[in-house]
Amino acid sequence: MKIVFHKHFEKQFLKLRPAEKKRFKERKDIFMHDPYHPVLNNHPLRGTYKGYRSINVGGDLRAVYTLVNDDAAFFVAIDRHSNLYS
């Protein structure tokens, strides 16, 4: 699967701690091979992010994305659960 990052996602990613960046890279590799792997807790979102999906990066960190097609995902945000869904 191909992954594209929104400019907003890239800015948020740069603000993460090194351990969080490493954890996202590990989860991204899992996502590329199996987007619905149980460790990702991949689920659809409601409200503001209706039409998007979220994966668990670790702890309270979530990555929000949408599928462009069967082979491409567009990641739009990465942040704490409380910041994304408040």
Protein backbone atom coordinates (compact mmCIF):
# COMPACT_ATOMS: atom_id res chain seq x y z
CA MET A 1 0.00 0.00 0.00
CA LYS A 2 1.20 3.49 -0.84
CA ILE A 3 0.99 6.17 1.85
CA VAL A 4 0.79 9.92 1.24
CA PHE A 5 1.05 12.49 4.04
CA HIS A 6 -0.83 15.78 4.22
CA LYS A 7 1.23 18.88 5.04
CA HIS A 8 -0.66 19.20 8.35
CA PHE A 9 0.25 15.61 9.27
CA GLU A 10 3.92 16.29 8.54
CA LYS A 11 3.93 19.36 10.81
CA GLN A 12 2.31 17.41 13.64
CA PHE A 13 4.73 14.51 13.13
CA LEU A 14 7.74 16.81 13.54
CA LYS A 15 6.46 17.84 16.99
CA LEU A 16 6.34 14.25 18.30
CA ARG A 17 8.91 12.85 20.68
CA PRO A 18 11.56 10.55 19.13
CA ALA A 19 9.98 7.44 20.68
CA GLU A 20 6.59 8.39 19.23
CA LYS A 21 8.09 8.90 15.78
CA LYS A 22 9.71 5.48 16.01
CA ARG A 23 6.43 3.90 17.12
CA PHE A 24 4.58 5.49 14.19
CA LYS A 25 7.16 4.17 11.72
CA GLU A 26 6.70 0.68 13.16
CA ARG A 27 2.92 0.94 12.93
CA LYS A 28 3.17 2.38 9.41
CA ASP A 29 5.11 -0.72 8.32
CA ILE A 30 2.41 -2.96 9.80
CA PHE A 31 -0.27 -0.83 8.12
CA MET A 32 1.42 -1.12 4.71
CA HIS A 33 1.32 -4.92 4.90
CA ASP A 34 -2.05 -5.32 6.64
CA PRO A 35 -4.15 -2.17 7.29
CA TYR A 36 -6.53 -4.15 9.49
CA HIS A 37 -3.96 -5.86 11.70
CA PRO A 38 -5.45 -6.15 15.23
CA VAL A 39 -2.61 -4.18 16.86
CA LEU A 40 -3.66 -1.08 14.86
CA ASN A 41 -7.24 -1.05 16.15
CA ASN A 42 -8.27 0.39 12.77
CA HIS A 43 -11.76 1.86 12.98
CA PRO A 44 -14.05 4.35 11.20
CA LEU A 45 -14.62 7.77 12.72
CA ARG A 46 -17.75 9.85 13.27
CA GLY A 47 -18.50 13.54 13.61
CA THR A 48 -15.88 15.94 12.26
CA TYR A 49 -13.85 13.07 10.83
CA LYS A 50 -16.77 11.18 9.28
CA GLY A 51 -15.46 9.26 6.26
CA TYR A 52 -11.99 8.92 7.81
CA ARG A 53 -10.43 6.07 9.75
CA SER A 54 -8.06 5.99 12.70
CA ILE A 55 -5.24 3.70 13.78
CA ASN A 56 -3.73 3.40 17.23
CA VAL A 57 -0.07 4.43 17.18
CA GLY A 58 0.50 3.74 20.85
CA GLY A 59 -0.79 5.00 24.15
CA ASP A 60 -3.02 7.99 23.46
CA LEU A 61 -1.53 8.71 20.01
CA ARG A 62 -3.77 8.28 16.94
CA ALA A 63 -3.22 8.68 13.20
CA VAL A 64 -6.19 9.69 11.02
CA TYR A 65 -6.36 8.73 7.36
CA THR A 66 -8.66 8.13 4.44
CA LEU A 67 -8.37 5.53 1.72
CA VAL A 68 -7.78 7.06 -1.70
CA ASN A 69 -8.23 3.69 -3.39
CA ASP A 70 -7.45 0.04 -2.64
CA ASP A 71 -3.71 0.69 -2.83
CA ALA A 72 -3.28 4.17 -1.33
CA ALA A 73 -3.95 5.90 1.99
CA PHE A 74 -3.84 9.63 2.71
CA PHE A 75 -2.80 10.41 6.31
CA VAL A 76 -4.17 13.78 7.42
CA ALA A 77 -3.47 14.04 11.17
CA ILE A 78 -1.50 12.53 14.04
CA ASP A 79 -2.06 13.67 17.60
CA ARG A 80 -3.36 12.74 21.03
CA HIS A 81 -6.87 11.33 21.18
CA SER A 82 -8.11 14.27 23.24
CA ASN A 83 -6.69 16.83 20.78
CA LEU A 84 -8.11 15.16 17.70
CA TYR A 85 -11.62 14.51 18.95
CA SER A 86 -12.37 17.48 21.19
